């Protein structure tokens, strides 16, 4: 008995020691999710991840792709006639009626706020000509975005196909892409929406409780659930100058998972301006009249301890080539973090013109101005 007791004490001590020796970042966040990620919206930097590239069923967060395709179609003002197939789609619903005529924009609000599977089918048929045609567009778009571990088989996320899955990382990429669209941001962040339908006025509340009650910094997102997928959740949050994206898959405690990740991200990372847009101090012999510059500042989320690990490198064309270019792109400014390139920004050049006016130019301008005076 004593030997067993001593063994148990030893095992407990080893576990505690391992926890203490874990990096601070690893101990800062604990999630219930099978897979999770926290991403910086501007740069795409992953601030926290847990099995982020592991494939899972994704349930209704599928509808982020359905929504952005509908928005990008340019058909939001069009009227959709609801089909029998849409009406009989299983699961969560906005209770469409066969033959009902409803604006596509209203369907997208019903899709995102109420997670209407019937709305998803109606949108798919209107945009893609059929559900199958729309699924083709979904997978085409996911490839464009770089979602390399994702396959879509329907527009709503129901478990009616085996080959319908994604990863936390891919869904964060999709959300980052969607958040670049003003209309998507507005719909995703809407708490209540009022509309008129053929059977009267309706008011929809958003199912995303992070947005409506649980987290003051939440700006939008999409909920999801099926028995096979479990609880899935995408959310976005903004605090001061930081915009973050969180995704959890199969997370029993998803609200708290997202809040924990956000609090960690907001506390640990801040936006650092590594290089201001404008002129660069690049001295090259014989090219004193050339002004090198970048058009956009290089800004990156960093923890305080990472600031000293940042390095900048300027890669320019060969000097012979540089001398022949008066205006245009001549190279790249590259930011490295821990010896890895993370941001690249084009370097441009413009030729400085002498401000002194020659006697010939002065004489020519004088003649022109006197001629104008006699007209």
Protein backbone atom coordinates (compact mmCIF):
# COMPACT_ATOMS: atom_id res chain seq x y z
CA UNK A 1 0.00 0.00 0.00
CA UNK A 2 2.84 2.38 0.94
CA UNK A 3 4.60 1.69 -2.36
CA UNK A 4 1.38 2.42 -4.31
CA UNK A 5 0.83 5.63 -2.33
CA UNK A 6 4.38 6.77 -3.01
CA UNK A 7 3.95 5.95 -6.70
CA UNK A 8 0.76 8.02 -6.88
CA UNK A 9 2.48 10.96 -5.19
CA UNK A 10 5.36 10.67 -7.63
CA UNK A 11 3.01 10.64 -10.66
CA UNK A 12 1.12 13.69 -9.36
CA UNK A 13 4.39 15.56 -8.81
CA UNK A 14 5.54 14.75 -12.34
CA UNK A 15 2.26 16.04 -13.80
CA UNK A 16 2.44 19.25 -11.76
CA UNK A 17 6.05 19.76 -12.78
CA UNK A 18 5.13 19.37 -16.46
CA UNK A 19 2.35 21.95 -16.08
CA UNK A 20 4.72 24.43 -14.45
CA UNK A 21 7.30 23.92 -17.19
CA UNK A 22 4.80 24.49 -20.00
CA UNK A 23 5.28 27.77 -21.88
CA UNK A 24 3.16 30.56 -20.41
CA UNK A 25 1.14 30.80 -23.64
CA UNK A 26 0.21 27.13 -23.50
CA UNK A 27 -1.07 27.47 -19.92
CA UNK A 28 -2.93 30.71 -20.60
CA UNK A 29 -5.82 29.14 -22.53
CA UNK A 30 -7.75 25.96 -21.85
CA UNK A 31 -10.63 24.99 -24.16
CA UNK A 32 -13.29 22.30 -24.15
CA UNK A 33 -13.18 22.12 -27.97
CA UNK A 34 -11.74 19.22 -29.93
CA UNK A 35 -10.25 21.86 -32.23
CA UNK A 36 -9.85 25.61 -31.77
CA UNK A 37 -8.05 28.65 -33.15
CA UNK A 38 -7.60 32.34 -32.44
CA UNK A 39 -6.50 34.41 -35.44
CA UNK A 40 -5.60 38.07 -35.98
CA UNK A 41 -8.01 39.38 -38.59
CA UNK A 42 -5.69 41.88 -40.29
CA UNK A 43 -2.61 39.70 -40.76
CA UNK A 44 -3.95 36.15 -40.41
CA UNK A 45 -1.43 35.42 -37.66
CA UNK A 46 -2.45 32.46 -35.48
CA UNK A 47 -2.31 33.60 -31.85
CA UNK A 48 -3.53 30.34 -30.34
CA UNK A 49 -4.43 26.94 -31.73
CA UNK A 50 -5.46 23.50 -30.57
CA UNK A 51 -5.69 20.79 -33.26
CA UNK A 52 -6.41 23.61 -35.71
CA UNK A 53 -5.76 21.47 -38.81
CA UNK A 54 -7.74 18.46 -37.63
CA UNK A 55 -10.75 17.64 -39.85
CA UNK A 56 -14.19 17.78 -38.23
CA UNK A 57 -17.83 18.03 -39.17
CA UNK A 58 -18.79 21.70 -38.95
CA UNK A 59 -22.60 21.91 -38.78
CA UNK A 60 -24.16 25.36 -39.42
CA UNK A 61 -20.97 27.41 -39.50
CA UNK A 62 -21.05 26.13 -43.09
CA UNK A 63 -23.49 28.99 -43.65
CA UNK A 64 -20.70 31.58 -43.55
CA UNK A 65 -19.71 30.32 -47.00
CA UNK A 66 -23.34 30.33 -48.16
CA UNK A 67 -23.76 33.90 -46.93
CA UNK A 68 -20.64 35.34 -48.55
CA UNK A 69 -21.44 33.70 -51.90
CA UNK A 70 -24.95 35.16 -51.79
CA UNK A 71 -23.59 38.61 -50.95
CA UNK A 72 -20.90 38.48 -53.65
CA UNK A 73 -23.47 37.39 -56.25
CA UNK A 74 -24.78 40.96 -56.44
CA UNK A 75 -28.35 39.62 -56.33
CA UNK A 76 -29.42 40.64 -52.82
CA UNK A 77 -32.25 42.81 -54.17
CA UNK A 78 -33.67 39.97 -56.28
CA UNK A 79 -36.84 38.12 -55.27
CA UNK A 80 -36.59 34.39 -54.61
CA UNK A 81 -39.50 32.01 -55.14
CA UNK A 82 -39.29 29.32 -52.46
CA UNK A 83 -39.27 25.71 -53.69
CA UNK A 84 -40.72 22.56 -52.12
CA UNK A 85 -37.18 21.26 -51.54
CA UNK A 86 -36.31 24.36 -49.51
CA UNK A 87 -39.47 24.11 -47.39
CA UNK A 88 -38.82 20.47 -46.52
CA UNK A 89 -35.18 20.95 -45.52
CA UNK A 90 -34.73 19.46 -42.04
CA UNK A 91 -33.61 21.21 -38.87
CA UNK A 92 -33.62 24.87 -37.87
CA UNK A 93 -35.95 26.96 -39.99
CA UNK A 94 -37.35 30.40 -40.75
CA UNK A 95 -40.58 28.61 -41.77
CA UNK A 96 -40.64 29.40 -45.45
CA UNK A 97 -43.76 28.45 -47.42
CA UNK A 98 -43.73 26.79 -50.84
CA UNK A 99 -44.22 29.43 -53.52
CA UNK A 100 -43.47 32.28 -51.08
CA UNK A 101 -41.65 35.22 -52.66
CA UNK A 102 -38.95 36.74 -50.48
CA UNK A 103 -35.95 39.01 -51.10
CA UNK A 104 -32.56 37.28 -51.21
CA UNK A 105 -31.18 39.74 -48.64
CA UNK A 106 -33.89 38.72 -46.18
CA UNK A 107 -32.96 35.07 -46.72
CA UNK A 108 -29.32 35.84 -45.87
CA UNK A 109 -30.41 37.50 -42.61
CA UNK A 110 -32.55 34.45 -41.83
CA UNK A 111 -29.59 32.22 -42.66
CA UNK A 112 -27.14 34.04 -40.37
CA UNK A 113 -29.35 35.15 -37.47
CA UNK A 114 -31.77 32.21 -37.21
CA UNK A 115 -29.62 29.56 -38.94
CA UNK A 116 -32.45 28.70 -41.33
CA UNK A 117 -31.67 25.52 -43.24
CA UNK A 118 -34.65 26.24 -45.49
CA UNK A 119 -33.12 29.66 -46.21
CA UNK A 120 -29.80 27.97 -47.09
CA UNK A 121 -31.49 25.72 -49.64
CA UNK A 122 -33.49 28.60 -51.15
CA UNK A 123 -30.31 30.70 -51.47
CA UNK A 124 -28.41 27.80 -53.04
CA UNK A 125 -31.08 27.15 -55.65
CA UNK A 126 -31.35 30.83 -56.57
CA UNK A 127 -27.60 31.49 -56.84
CA UNK A 128 -26.38 28.13 -58.14
CA UNK A 129 -29.40 27.06 -60.19
CA UNK A 130 -29.61 24.03 -57.91
CA UNK A 131 -28.20 22.92 -54.56
CA UNK A 132 -25.63 20.81 -56.41
CA UNK A 133 -24.60 23.74 -58.59
CA UNK A 134 -24.19 25.94 -55.52
CA UNK A 135 -22.05 23.31 -53.77
CA UNK A 136 -19.71 23.46 -56.75
CA UNK A 137 -19.40 27.22 -56.21
CA UNK A 138 -18.74 26.66 -52.49
CA UNK A 139 -15.82 24.33 -53.15
CA UNK A 140 -14.49 26.60 -55.90
CA UNK A 141 -14.47 29.55 -53.49
CA UNK A 142 -12.86 27.52 -50.70
CA UNK A 143 -10.03 26.63 -53.08
CA UNK A 144 -9.57 30.30 -53.99
CA UNK A 145 -9.37 31.28 -50.33
CA UNK A 146 -6.82 28.55 -49.55
CA UNK A 147 -9.02 26.21 -47.51
CA UNK A 148 -6.96 23.11 -48.29
CA UNK A 149 -8.61 20.74 -45.78
CA UNK A 150 -12.26 21.50 -46.54
CA UNK A 151 -15.00 19.80 -48.56
CA UNK A 152 -18.54 21.20 -48.78
CA UNK A 153 -21.43 18.91 -49.73
CA UNK A 154 -24.41 21.14 -48.86
CA UNK A 155 -25.19 24.81 -48.10
CA UNK A 156 -26.38 24.34 -44.49
CA UNK A 157 -24.14 21.86 -42.66
CA UNK A 158 -26.64 19.06 -41.99
CA UNK A 159 -25.13 15.60 -41.62
CA UNK A 160 -26.60 14.31 -44.89
CA UNK A 161 -23.21 13.66 -46.52
CA UNK A 162 -20.07 11.97 -45.20
CA UNK A 163 -17.81 14.23 -47.26
CA UNK A 164 -18.67 17.52 -45.59
CA UNK A 165 -15.94 18.73 -43.25
CA UNK A 166 -13.39 21.43 -42.49
CA UNK A 167 -10.83 22.51 -39.89
CA UNK A 168 -10.70 25.33 -37.36
CA UNK A 169 -7.91 26.94 -39.38
CA UNK A 170 -9.79 26.78 -42.68
CA UNK A 171 -12.96 28.22 -41.14
CA UNK A 172 -10.91 31.07 -39.66
CA UNK A 173 -9.51 31.75 -43.16
CA UNK A 174 -13.07 31.82 -44.52
CA UNK A 175 -14.20 34.20 -41.79
CA UNK A 176 -11.22 36.48 -42.37
CA UNK A 177 -12.13 36.62 -46.06
CA UNK A 178 -15.82 37.26 -45.33
CA UNK A 179 -15.05 40.03 -42.83
CA UNK A 180 -13.41 42.04 -45.61
CA UNK A 181 -16.92 42.52 -47.05
CA UNK A 182 -18.90 45.43 -45.55
CA UNK A 183 -22.28 43.78 -46.13
CA UNK A 184 -21.21 40.54 -44.52
CA UNK A 185 -19.87 42.40 -41.48
CA UNK A 186 -23.17 44.22 -41.11
CA UNK A 187 -25.32 41.08 -41.35
CA UNK A 188 -23.04 39.01 -39.12
CA UNK A 189 -23.11 41.70 -36.44
CA UNK A 190 -26.88 42.34 -36.51
CA UNK A 191 -28.60 41.54 -33.21
CA UNK A 192 -32.22 41.85 -34.43
CA UNK A 193 -33.72 42.16 -37.89
CA UNK A 194 -37.27 43.18 -38.83
CA UNK A 195 -38.83 42.39 -42.20
CA UNK A 196 -42.15 42.08 -43.97
CA UNK A 197 -43.12 38.76 -45.52
CA UNK A 198 -46.24 37.66 -47.37
CA UNK A 199 -47.70 36.34 -44.10
CA UNK A 200 -46.93 39.51 -42.11
CA UNK A 201 -44.15 41.25 -40.21
CA UNK A 202 -41.33 39.23 -38.62
CA UNK A 203 -38.59 40.08 -36.15
CA UNK A 204 -35.58 37.80 -35.87
CA UNK A 205 -33.11 37.74 -32.99
CA UNK A 206 -29.53 36.55 -33.46
CA UNK A 207 -28.76 33.12 -31.92
CA UNK A 208 -25.16 34.18 -31.26
CA UNK A 209 -25.27 34.83 -27.50
CA UNK A 210 -21.68 36.09 -27.49
CA UNK A 211 -22.93 38.98 -29.60
CA UNK A 212 -26.24 39.60 -27.85
CA UNK A 213 -25.35 39.13 -24.19
CA UNK A 214 -22.17 37.32 -23.20
CA UNK A 215 -19.22 39.32 -24.56
CA UNK A 216 -19.21 43.07 -25.07
CA UNK A 217 -16.39 43.01 -27.63
CA UNK A 218 -18.06 40.45 -29.93
CA UNK A 219 -18.87 41.86 -33.39
CA UNK A 220 -20.50 38.86 -35.08
CA UNK A 221 -20.21 35.21 -35.98
CA UNK A 222 -22.21 32.04 -36.58
CA UNK A 223 -23.43 29.23 -34.35
CA UNK A 224 -23.81 25.56 -35.26
CA UNK A 225 -24.93 22.20 -33.90
CA UNK A 226 -25.70 18.69 -35.06
CA UNK A 227 -25.50 15.46 -33.09
CA UNK A 228 -22.48 14.28 -35.07
CA UNK A 229 -20.64 17.62 -35.17
CA UNK A 230 -21.43 18.75 -31.65
CA UNK A 231 -21.42 22.49 -30.94
CA UNK A 232 -19.49 24.56 -33.48
CA UNK A 233 -18.95 28.29 -33.29
CA UNK A 234 -17.32 31.10 -35.25
CA UNK A 235 -17.09 34.55 -33.70
CA UNK A 236 -15.32 37.86 -34.23
CA UNK A 237 -14.34 40.45 -31.64
CA UNK A 238 -12.81 43.93 -31.60
CA UNK A 239 -11.09 45.76 -28.77
CA UNK A 240 -9.37 49.08 -29.47
CA UNK A 241 -7.21 48.45 -32.56
CA UNK A 242 -7.31 44.65 -32.42
CA UNK A 243 -9.71 42.56 -34.52
CA UNK A 244 -9.70 38.84 -33.75
CA UNK A 245 -11.40 35.69 -35.07
CA UNK A 246 -12.16 32.59 -32.97
CA UNK A 247 -13.34 29.17 -34.14
CA UNK A 248 -14.21 26.09 -32.07
CA UNK A 249 -15.30 22.66 -33.30
CA UNK A 250 -17.05 20.10 -31.12
CA UNK A 251 -16.93 22.36 -28.05
CA UNK A 252 -19.36 21.63 -25.18
CA UNK A 253 -18.45 24.95 -23.54
CA UNK A 254 -17.98 27.06 -26.65
CA UNK A 255 -19.08 30.46 -25.25
CA UNK A 256 -16.44 30.31 -22.52
CA UNK A 257 -13.86 28.87 -24.92
CA UNK A 258 -14.19 31.93 -27.13
CA UNK A 259 -14.12 34.40 -24.26
CA UNK A 260 -11.00 32.73 -22.84
CA UNK A 261 -9.22 32.88 -26.19
CA UNK A 262 -10.19 36.51 -26.75
CA UNK A 263 -9.10 37.62 -23.29
CA UNK A 264 -5.77 35.88 -23.83
CA UNK A 265 -5.33 37.46 -27.26
CA UNK A 266 -6.26 40.98 -26.19
CA UNK A 267 -4.04 40.80 -23.12
CA UNK A 268 -0.99 39.19 -24.70
CA UNK A 269 -0.74 40.79 -28.15
CA UNK A 270 -0.79 44.36 -29.39
CA UNK A 271 -0.50 45.87 -32.85
CA UNK A 272 3.08 47.05 -33.37
CA UNK A 273 4.04 49.37 -36.22
CA UNK A 274 7.29 47.88 -37.47
CA UNK A 275 7.77 50.23 -40.42
CA UNK A 276 5.86 53.41 -41.21
CA UNK A 277 4.61 53.99 -44.74
CA UNK A 278 6.53 56.62 -46.68
CA UNK A 279 10.24 57.23 -47.26
CA UNK A 280 12.86 54.61 -46.42
CA UNK A 281 16.44 55.36 -45.42
CA UNK A 282 18.28 53.41 -48.11
CA UNK A 283 21.63 54.86 -49.16
CA UNK A 284 23.09 53.58 -52.41
CA UNK A 285 26.11 55.29 -53.93
CA UNK A 286 25.28 57.21 -57.11
CA UNK A 287 21.54 57.21 -56.51
CA UNK A 288 21.17 60.13 -54.11
CA UNK A 289 18.33 61.58 -56.20
CA UNK A 290 16.20 58.45 -55.92
CA UNK A 291 13.66 58.27 -53.11
CA UNK A 292 12.67 54.80 -51.89
CA UNK A 293 9.32 54.35 -50.16
CA UNK A 294 6.54 51.90 -49.19
CA UNK A 295 2.84 52.64 -49.67
CA UNK A 296 1.56 50.77 -46.59
CA UNK A 297 2.85 50.58 -43.03
CA UNK A 298 3.98 47.19 -41.77
CA UNK A 299 1.89 46.46 -38.69
CA UNK A 300 1.92 43.11 -36.87
CA UNK A 301 0.48 41.67 -33.63
CA UNK A 302 3.28 40.90 -31.19
CA UNK A 303 3.70 39.88 -27.59
CA UNK A 304 6.09 42.16 -25.72
CA UNK A 305 8.77 39.47 -25.53
CA UNK A 306 8.68 39.10 -29.34
CA UNK A 307 9.53 42.71 -30.19
CA UNK A 308 13.29 42.07 -30.00
CA UNK A 309 12.91 39.05 -32.31
CA UNK A 310 11.78 41.20 -35.25
CA UNK A 311 14.16 41.95 -38.12
CA UNK A 312 13.68 43.92 -41.35
CA UNK A 313 15.38 43.22 -44.67
CA UNK A 314 15.30 45.26 -47.89
CA UNK A 315 15.72 43.24 -51.08
CA UNK A 316 16.32 45.50 -54.10
CA UNK A 317 17.00 45.01 -57.78
CA UNK A 318 20.68 45.02 -58.85
CA UNK A 319 22.23 48.52 -58.87
CA UNK A 320 22.59 48.50 -62.68
CA UNK A 321 18.85 47.92 -63.04
CA UNK A 322 17.98 50.42 -60.30
CA UNK A 323 19.76 53.21 -62.17
CA UNK A 324 17.44 52.76 -65.16
CA UNK A 325 14.18 52.99 -63.19
CA UNK A 326 12.81 56.45 -62.44
CA UNK A 327 9.45 55.39 -61.01
CA UNK A 328 7.99 52.03 -59.99
CA UNK A 329 8.50 48.86 -57.98
CA UNK A 330 12.13 48.06 -57.24
CA UNK A 331 12.12 45.53 -54.42
CA UNK A 332 10.62 44.17 -51.26
CA UNK A 333 10.66 45.05 -47.54
CA UNK A 334 10.46 41.81 -45.56
CA UNK A 335 9.63 41.50 -41.87
CA UNK A 336 11.06 38.46 -40.08
CA UNK A 337 9.88 37.08 -36.75
CA UNK A 338 12.08 34.42 -35.16
CA UNK A 339 13.97 34.18 -38.48
CA UNK A 340 10.76 33.43 -40.44
CA UNK A 341 9.36 35.88 -43.04
CA UNK A 342 5.85 36.97 -42.00
CA UNK A 343 5.05 40.15 -43.98
CA UNK A 344 6.26 41.45 -47.33
CA UNK A 345 5.65 44.96 -48.66
CA UNK A 346 6.65 46.32 -52.08
CA UNK A 347 9.37 48.98 -52.21
CA UNK A 348 8.93 51.74 -54.81
CA UNK A 349 11.22 54.45 -56.13
CA UNK A 350 10.67 57.91 -57.56
CA UNK A 351 13.20 60.22 -59.14
CA UNK A 352 13.61 63.58 -57.41
CA UNK A 353 13.45 66.46 -59.92
CA UNK A 354 15.80 69.41 -59.48
CA UNK A 355 13.91 72.39 -58.17
CA UNK A 356 16.21 74.91 -59.89
CA UNK A 357 14.75 76.17 -63.18
CA UNK A 358 17.19 76.53 -66.09
CA UNK A 359 17.58 79.87 -67.95
CA UNK A 360 16.01 78.29 -71.04
CA UNK A 361 12.90 77.15 -69.07
CA UNK A 362 12.66 80.60 -67.49
CA UNK A 363 12.86 82.31 -70.91
CA UNK A 364 10.33 79.86 -72.45
CA UNK A 365 7.84 80.39 -69.61
CA UNK A 366 8.23 84.16 -69.91
CA UNK A 367 7.34 84.09 -73.65
CA UNK A 368 4.31 81.85 -73.04
CA UNK A 369 2.98 84.02 -70.23
CA UNK A 370 3.30 87.22 -72.36
CA UNK A 371 1.53 85.52 -75.28
CA UNK A 372 -1.33 84.52 -72.99
CA UNK A 373 -1.60 88.10 -71.75
CA UNK A 374 -2.26 89.37 -75.35
CA UNK A 375 -5.04 86.83 -76.05
